[in-house]
C-alpha atoms as a PDB file:
ATOM      1  CA  MET A   1      24.343 -12.870  48.092  1.00  0.00           C
ATOM      2  CA  SER A   2      24.474 -11.439  51.591  1.00  0.00           C
ATOM      3  CA  GLU A   3      26.552 -12.625  54.247  1.00  0.00           C
ATOM      4  CA  MET A   4      23.666 -13.760  56.076  1.00  0.00           C
ATOM      5  CA  ILE A   5      22.134 -15.827  53.718  1.00  0.00           C
ATOM      6  CA  VAL A   6      25.500 -17.740  53.006  1.00  0.00           C
ATOM      7  CA  LYS A   7      25.655 -18.588  56.651  1.00  0.00           C
ATOM      8  CA  ARG A   8      22.046 -19.510  56.859  1.00  0.00           C
ATOM      9  CA  ASN A   9      22.771 -22.016  53.752  1.00  0.00           C
ATOM     10  CA  ALA A  10      25.765 -23.295  55.217  1.00  0.00           C
ATOM     11  CA  LEU A  11      23.992 -24.140  58.317  1.00  0.00           C
ATOM     12  CA  LEU A  12      20.980 -25.498  56.479  1.00  0.00           C
ATOM     13  CA  ALA A  13      23.051 -27.779  54.062  1.00  0.00           C
ATOM     14  CA  GLN A  14      24.335 -29.556  57.423  1.00  0.00           C
ATOM     15  CA  LYS A  15      20.829 -30.286  58.312  1.00  0.00           C
ATOM     16  CA  VAL A  16      20.034 -31.618  54.667  1.00  0.00           C
ATOM     17  CA  ILE A  17      23.316 -33.715  54.712  1.00  0.00           C
ATOM     18  CA  LYS A  18      22.439 -35.235  58.184  1.00  0.00           C
ATOM     19  CA  GLY A  19      19.005 -36.420  56.420  1.00  0.00           C
ATOM     20  CA  LEU A  20      20.656 -37.705  53.417  1.00  0.00           C
ATOM     21  CA  GLU A  21      22.998 -39.905  55.588  1.00  0.00           C
ATOM     22  CA  SER A  22      20.017 -41.342  57.420  1.00  0.00           C
ATOM     23  CA  ARG A  23      18.755 -42.260  54.040  1.00  0.00           C
ATOM     24  CA  ASN A  24      21.802 -44.274  53.227  1.00  0.00           C
ATOM     25  CA  MET A  25      22.884 -41.267  50.633  1.00  0.00           C
ATOM     26  CA  ALA A  26      26.101 -39.174  50.975  1.00  0.00           C
ATOM     27  CA  GLY A  27      25.828 -35.365  50.950  1.00  0.00           C
ATOM     28  CA  TYR A  28      28.424 -32.806  50.357  1.00  0.00           C
ATOM     29  CA  TYR A  29      28.274 -28.780  50.499  1.00  0.00           C
ATOM     30  CA  ALA A  30      30.161 -26.626  48.329  1.00  0.00           C
ATOM     31  CA  ALA A  31      30.161 -22.843  49.063  1.00  0.00           C
ATOM     32  CA  THR A  32      30.794 -22.176  45.428  1.00  0.00           C
ATOM     33  CA  LYS A  33      30.145 -23.517  41.842  1.00  0.00           C
ATOM     34  CA  GLU A  34      33.977 -23.744  41.574  1.00  0.00           C
ATOM     35  CA  ASP A  35      33.896 -26.008  44.776  1.00  0.00           C
ATOM     36  CA  ALA A  36      31.055 -27.957  43.483  1.00  0.00           C
ATOM     37  CA  LEU A  37      32.955 -28.858  40.152  1.00  0.00           C
ATOM     38  CA  GLN A  38      35.893 -29.797  42.041  1.00  0.00           C
ATOM     39  CA  LYS A  39      34.083 -32.140  44.490  1.00  0.00           C
ATOM     40  CA  ALA A  40      32.211 -33.882  41.405  1.00  0.00           C
ATOM     41  CA  LEU A  41      35.530 -34.440  39.712  1.00  0.00           C
ATOM     42  CA  GLU A  42      36.896 -35.808  42.999  1.00  0.00           C
ATOM     43  CA  LEU A  43      33.942 -38.240  43.185  1.00  0.00           C
ATOM     44  CA  ILE A  44      33.801 -39.493  39.622  1.00  0.00           C
ATOM     45  CA  PRO A  45      37.031 -41.751  38.802  1.00  0.00           C
ATOM     46  CA  ALA A  46      38.709 -41.177  35.549  1.00  0.00           C
ATOM     47  CA  GLY A  47      37.789 -43.557  32.869  1.00  0.00           C
ATOM     48  CA  SER A  48      34.223 -43.620  34.131  1.00  0.00           C
ATOM     49  CA  SER A  49      31.234 -43.706  31.837  1.00  0.00           C
ATOM     50  CA  VAL A  50      29.098 -40.829  32.519  1.00  0.00           C
ATOM     51  CA  THR A  51      25.606 -39.656  31.262  1.00  0.00           C
ATOM     52  CA  MET A  52      22.873 -37.264  32.361  1.00  0.00           C
ATOM     53  CA  GLY A  53      19.407 -36.416  32.275  1.00  0.00           C
ATOM     54  CA  GLY A  54      18.655 -32.691  31.521  1.00  0.00           C
ATOM     55  CA  ALA A  55      20.556 -31.929  34.423  1.00  0.00           C
ATOM     56  CA  MET A  56      20.889 -27.960  34.076  1.00  0.00           C
ATOM     57  CA  SER A  57      22.537 -27.513  37.292  1.00  0.00           C
ATOM     58  CA  ALA A  58      25.526 -29.860  36.496  1.00  0.00           C
ATOM     59  CA  ILE A  59      25.804 -27.727  33.242  1.00  0.00           C
ATOM     60  CA  GLU A  60      25.697 -24.437  35.201  1.00  0.00           C
ATOM     61  CA  ILE A  61      28.462 -25.531  37.434  1.00  0.00           C
ATOM     62  CA  GLY A  62      30.625 -26.560  34.071  1.00  0.00           C
ATOM     63  CA  LEU A  63      30.498 -30.356  35.276  1.00  0.00           C
ATOM     64  CA  VAL A  64      29.326 -31.513  31.872  1.00  0.00           C
ATOM     65  CA  ASP A  65      31.980 -29.400  29.853  1.00  0.00           C
ATOM     66  CA  ALA A  66      34.346 -30.850  32.169  1.00  0.00           C
ATOM     67  CA  VAL A  67      33.353 -34.578  31.643  1.00  0.00           C
ATOM     68  CA  LYS A  68      33.211 -33.978  28.242  1.00  0.00           C
ATOM     69  CA  ALA A  69      36.824 -32.587  27.888  1.00  0.00           C
ATOM     70  CA  GLY A  70      38.049 -34.954  30.388  1.00  0.00           C
ATOM     71  CA  ASP A  71      39.395 -38.708  30.690  1.00  0.00           C
ATOM     72  CA  TYR A  72      35.844 -40.139  30.707  1.00  0.00           C
ATOM     73  CA  ARG A  73      33.445 -41.883  28.252  1.00  0.00           C
ATOM     74  CA  PHE A  74      30.225 -39.282  28.095  1.00  0.00           C
ATOM     75  CA  ILE A  75      27.084 -40.904  27.027  1.00  0.00           C
ATOM     76  CA  ASP A  76      25.716 -37.812  24.928  1.00  0.00           C
ATOM     77  CA  ARG A  77      22.371 -38.852  23.785  1.00  0.00           C
ATOM     78  CA  ASP A  78      21.890 -35.723  21.559  1.00  0.00           C
ATOM     79  CA  ALA A  79      24.784 -37.550  19.658  1.00  0.00           C
ATOM     80  CA  TYR A  80      22.458 -40.551  18.868  1.00  0.00           C
ATOM     81  CA  ALA A  81      20.296 -40.950  15.968  1.00  0.00           C
ATOM     82  CA  ASP A  82      18.291 -43.533  17.875  1.00  0.00           C
ATOM     83  CA  LYS A  83      17.423 -41.691  21.157  1.00  0.00           C
ATOM     84  CA  ARG A  84      16.081 -45.154  22.882  1.00  0.00           C
ATOM     85  CA  ALA A  85      19.372 -46.796  22.366  1.00  0.00           C
ATOM     86  CA  ALA A  86      20.996 -43.919  24.021  1.00  0.00           C
ATOM     87  CA  MET A  87      18.719 -44.251  27.037  1.00  0.00           C
ATOM     88  CA  LEU A  88      19.287 -47.838  27.231  1.00  0.00           C
ATOM     89  CA  GLU A  89      23.020 -47.433  27.210  1.00  0.00           C
ATOM     90  CA  ALA A  90      22.732 -44.842  29.867  1.00  0.00           C
ATOM     91  CA  TYR A  91      21.255 -47.159  32.469  1.00  0.00           C
ATOM     92  CA  ASP A  92      24.588 -49.341  32.293  1.00  0.00           C
ATOM     93  CA  ALA A  93      26.676 -46.024  32.955  1.00  0.00           C
ATOM     94  CA  ASP A  94      28.859 -45.631  36.004  1.00  0.00           C
ATOM     95  CA  TRP A  95      27.660 -42.554  36.865  1.00  0.00           C
ATOM     96  CA  PHE A  96      24.384 -40.530  36.231  1.00  0.00           C
ATOM     97  CA  LEU A  97      24.351 -36.928  36.414  1.00  0.00           C
ATOM     98  CA  ALA A  98      21.103 -35.348  37.933  1.00  0.00           C
ATOM     99  CA  GLY A  99      19.350 -32.313  39.115  1.00  0.00           C
ATOM    100  CA  ALA A 100      16.220 -32.208  41.744  1.00  0.00           C
ATOM    101  CA  ASN A 101      13.270 -30.218  40.989  1.00  0.00           C
ATOM    102  CA  ALA A 102      12.829 -29.976  44.767  1.00  0.00           C
ATOM    103  CA  MET A 103      14.307 -31.522  47.832  1.00  0.00           C
ATOM    104  CA  THR A 104      13.335 -31.375  51.829  1.00  0.00           C
ATOM    105  CA  ASP A 105      15.759 -30.221  54.233  1.00  0.00           C
ATOM    106  CA  ASP A 106      15.672 -33.780  55.894  1.00  0.00           C
ATOM    107  CA  GLY A 107      17.017 -35.142  52.508  1.00  0.00           C
ATOM    108  CA  VAL A 108      13.794 -36.453  50.536  1.00  0.00           C
ATOM    109  CA  ILE A 109      14.497 -35.671  46.601  1.00  0.00           C
ATOM    110  CA  VAL A 110      11.678 -34.760  44.555  1.00  0.00           C
ATOM    111  CA  ASN A 111      11.948 -35.134  40.692  1.00  0.00           C
ATOM    112  CA  ILE A 112       9.099 -35.010  37.774  1.00  0.00           C
ATOM    113  CA  ASP A 113       9.529 -36.446  34.149  1.00  0.00           C
ATOM    114  CA  GLY A 114       7.857 -36.613  30.908  1.00  0.00           C
ATOM    115  CA  ASN A 115       9.495 -39.517  29.127  1.00  0.00           C
ATOM    116  CA  ALA A 116      10.859 -41.219  32.430  1.00  0.00           C
ATOM    117  CA  ASN A 117      14.353 -41.592  31.151  1.00  0.00           C
ATOM    118  CA  ARG A 118      15.536 -39.433  33.952  1.00  0.00           C
ATOM    119  CA  VAL A 119      13.520 -40.666  36.659  1.00  0.00           C
ATOM    120  CA  SER A 120      13.846 -44.134  35.909  1.00  0.00           C
ATOM    121  CA  ALA A 121      17.784 -43.905  35.773  1.00  0.00           C
ATOM    122  CA  ILE A 122      17.628 -42.207  39.009  1.00  0.00           C
ATOM    123  CA  ALA A 123      15.652 -45.117  40.662  1.00  0.00           C
ATOM    124  CA  GLN A 124      17.575 -47.743  39.072  1.00  0.00           C
ATOM    125  CA  GLY A 125      20.238 -48.601  36.397  1.00  0.00           C
ATOM    126  CA  PRO A 126      23.498 -46.561  36.469  1.00  0.00           C
ATOM    127  CA  LYS A 127      25.813 -47.490  39.126  1.00  0.00           C
ATOM    128  CA  HIS A 128      26.194 -44.249  40.869  1.00  0.00           C
ATOM    129  CA  VAL A 129      23.811 -41.122  40.951  1.00  0.00           C
ATOM    130  CA  LEU A 130      25.403 -37.735  41.284  1.00  0.00           C
ATOM    131  CA  PHE A 131      22.780 -34.877  42.049  1.00  0.00           C
ATOM    132  CA  ILE A 132      23.670 -31.339  41.838  1.00  0.00           C
ATOM    133  CA  VAL A 133      21.428 -28.959  43.789  1.00  0.00           C
ATOM    134  CA  GLY A 134      21.210 -25.342  44.430  1.00  0.00           C
ATOM    135  CA  MET A 135      20.258 -24.096  47.836  1.00  0.00           C
ATOM    136  CA  ASN A 136      17.401 -22.685  46.118  1.00  0.00           C
ATOM    137  CA  LYS A 137      15.850 -26.051  45.729  1.00  0.00           C
ATOM    138  CA  ILE A 138      15.633 -26.782  49.440  1.00  0.00           C
ATOM    139  CA  CYS A 139      11.935 -26.919  50.906  1.00  0.00           C
ATOM    140  CA  PRO A 140      10.700 -27.501  54.287  1.00  0.00           C
ATOM    141  CA  ASP A 141       8.449 -30.378  53.897  1.00  0.00           C
ATOM    142  CA  PRO A 142       7.323 -33.010  51.012  1.00  0.00           C
ATOM    143  CA  ASP A 143       4.230 -31.019  50.204  1.00  0.00           C
ATOM    144  CA  THR A 144       6.212 -27.850  49.606  1.00  0.00           C
ATOM    145  CA  ALA A 145       8.742 -29.814  47.673  1.00  0.00           C
ATOM    146  CA  MET A 146       6.044 -31.118  45.292  1.00  0.00           C
ATOM    147  CA  LYS A 147       4.443 -27.881  44.837  1.00  0.00           C
ATOM    148  CA  ARG A 148       7.879 -26.284  44.031  1.00  0.00           C
ATOM    149  CA  ALA A 149       8.196 -29.226  41.297  1.00  0.00           C
ATOM    150  CA  ARG A 150       5.019 -28.745  39.926  1.00  0.00           C
ATOM    151  CA  ASN A 151       4.570 -24.713  40.097  1.00  0.00           C
ATOM    152  CA  VAL A 152       8.147 -23.779  39.599  1.00  0.00           C
ATOM    153  CA  ALA A 153      10.230 -26.492  37.689  1.00  0.00           C
ATOM    154  CA  ALA A 154       7.485 -27.838  35.586  1.00  0.00           C
ATOM    155  CA  PRO A 155       6.184 -24.549  33.991  1.00  0.00           C
ATOM    156  CA  VAL A 156       9.640 -23.443  33.324  1.00  0.00           C
ATOM    157  CA  ASN A 157      10.780 -26.454  31.736  1.00  0.00           C
ATOM    158  CA  ALA A 158       7.659 -26.525  29.730  1.00  0.00           C
ATOM    159  CA  GLN A 159       8.318 -23.065  28.610  1.00  0.00           C
ATOM    160  CA  ARG A 160      11.993 -23.931  27.845  1.00  0.00           C
ATOM    161  CA  PHE A 161      10.969 -26.700  25.460  1.00  0.00           C
ATOM    162  CA  GLY A 162       8.324 -24.664  23.811  1.00  0.00           C
ATOM    163  CA  LEU A 163       5.288 -27.186  24.969  1.00  0.00           C
ATOM    164  CA  SER A 164       1.722 -25.987  24.632  1.00  0.00           C
ATOM    165  CA  THR A 165       0.606 -26.880  28.176  1.00  0.00           C
ATOM    166  CA  PRO A 166      -1.419 -24.866  30.475  1.00  0.00           C
ATOM    167  CA  CYS A 167       1.411 -24.170  33.000  1.00  0.00           C
ATOM    168  CA  ALA A 168       3.490 -22.765  30.040  1.00  0.00           C
ATOM    169  CA  ARG A 169       0.850 -20.269  29.561  1.00  0.00           C
ATOM    170  CA  THR A 170      -0.113 -19.561  33.416  1.00  0.00           C
ATOM    171  CA  GLY A 171       3.198 -20.248  35.103  1.00  0.00           C
ATOM    172  CA  LYS A 172       1.572 -22.472  37.536  1.00  0.00           C
ATOM    173  CA  CYS A 173       0.266 -26.008  37.512  1.00  0.00           C
ATOM    174  CA  MET A 174      -3.027 -26.609  36.300  1.00  0.00           C
ATOM    175  CA  ASP A 175      -3.228 -30.361  37.110  1.00  0.00           C
ATOM    176  CA  CYS A 176      -3.535 -30.849  32.974  1.00  0.00           C
ATOM    177  CA  LYS A 177      -3.757 -34.229  30.678  1.00  0.00           C
ATOM    178  CA  SER A 178      -2.387 -32.095  27.895  1.00  0.00           C
ATOM    179  CA  PRO A 179      -0.588 -34.330  25.034  1.00  0.00           C
ATOM    180  CA  ASP A 180       2.380 -32.123  25.643  1.00  0.00           C
ATOM    181  CA  THR A 181       2.350 -32.530  29.640  1.00  0.00           C
ATOM    182  CA  ILE A 182       5.755 -33.355  31.316  1.00  0.00           C
ATOM    183  CA  CYS A 183       4.329 -33.959  34.644  1.00  0.00           C
ATOM    184  CA  CYS A 184       3.783 -37.791  33.723  1.00  0.00           C
ATOM    185  CA  GLN A 185       6.047 -39.562  36.375  1.00  0.00           C
ATOM    186  CA  PHE A 186       6.794 -38.478  39.925  1.00  0.00           C
ATOM    187  CA  LEU A 187       9.718 -39.785  41.721  1.00  0.00           C
ATOM    188  CA  ILE A 188      10.367 -39.454  45.536  1.00  0.00           C
ATOM    189  CA  THR A 189      13.705 -40.665  46.592  1.00  0.00           C
ATOM    190  CA  ARG A 190      13.214 -41.099  50.229  1.00  0.00           C
ATOM    191  CA  PHE A 191      16.166 -43.809  50.891  1.00  0.00           C
ATOM    192  CA  SER A 192      18.808 -45.874  49.037  1.00  0.00           C
ATOM    193  CA  ARG A 193      19.041 -49.423  49.455  1.00  0.00           C
ATOM    194  CA  HIS A 194      22.458 -49.645  47.767  1.00  0.00           C
ATOM    195  CA  PRO A 195      25.359 -47.986  49.845  1.00  0.00           C
ATOM    196  CA  GLY A 196      27.416 -45.622  48.012  1.00  0.00           C
ATOM    197  CA  ARG A 197      25.300 -45.285  45.025  1.00  0.00           C
ATOM    198  CA  VAL A 198      23.654 -41.862  45.643  1.00  0.00           C
ATOM    199  CA  HIS A 199      25.644 -38.596  46.365  1.00  0.00           C
ATOM    200  CA  VAL A 200      24.314 -35.014  46.500  1.00  0.00           C
ATOM    201  CA  ILE A 201      26.378 -32.157  46.230  1.00  0.00           C
ATOM    202  CA  LEU A 202      24.564 -29.004  47.651  1.00  0.00           C
ATOM    203  CA  VAL A 203      25.810 -25.686  46.295  1.00  0.00           C
ATOM    204  CA  ASN A 204      25.302 -22.368  47.608  1.00  0.00           C
ATOM    205  CA  GLU A 205      24.054 -20.902  44.674  1.00  0.00           C
ATOM    206  CA  ASP A 206      20.730 -20.557  42.904  1.00  0.00           C
ATOM    207  CA  LEU A 207      20.694 -23.420  40.180  1.00  0.00           C
ATOM    208  CA  GLY A 208      18.589 -24.740  37.814  1.00  0.00           C
ATOM    209  CA  PHE A 209      14.622 -24.245  37.974  1.00  0.00           C
END
């Protein structure tokens, strides 16, 4: 990454953090994946119950592996025969690890979901939500953020899961009603009514989709 891009991202991140603060959410900037991991582990107290909802960015910075190996109780839905039971237990977790499909430069977070376990936990349930967001996800306005979520994140995720959707074949949103669609629920997080619940670590990396 060029020096100018690094400088640009650091400056842009400060704007995003101010936007988050105005929305009752806490923001932090990490220059590297390693810094992001360190900050995340500083935020999550030892002994906490932790779960996640398909947060590729949290995986990419090493946070999920660190939680599994550390002094935490990780609620791993893949280890449950009853997936619904795992999802219900996740709603009472101390910390929920999340990513963002897109985010505006004034702190609005956009996510799209198929089964709603991820967006519902972001909206309500777990005591804290920790977003790991690469600077590649930052958009200038809500419309651009929604277009990114639908035309970048959704097609890649559909392909990742091997789904038979028009976007998996074309690479762009076709506003489908396919049985496999993952664009079932749209969550726009523009404000948190609960101080200290939502934390966002912005990372000077291209993370997730």
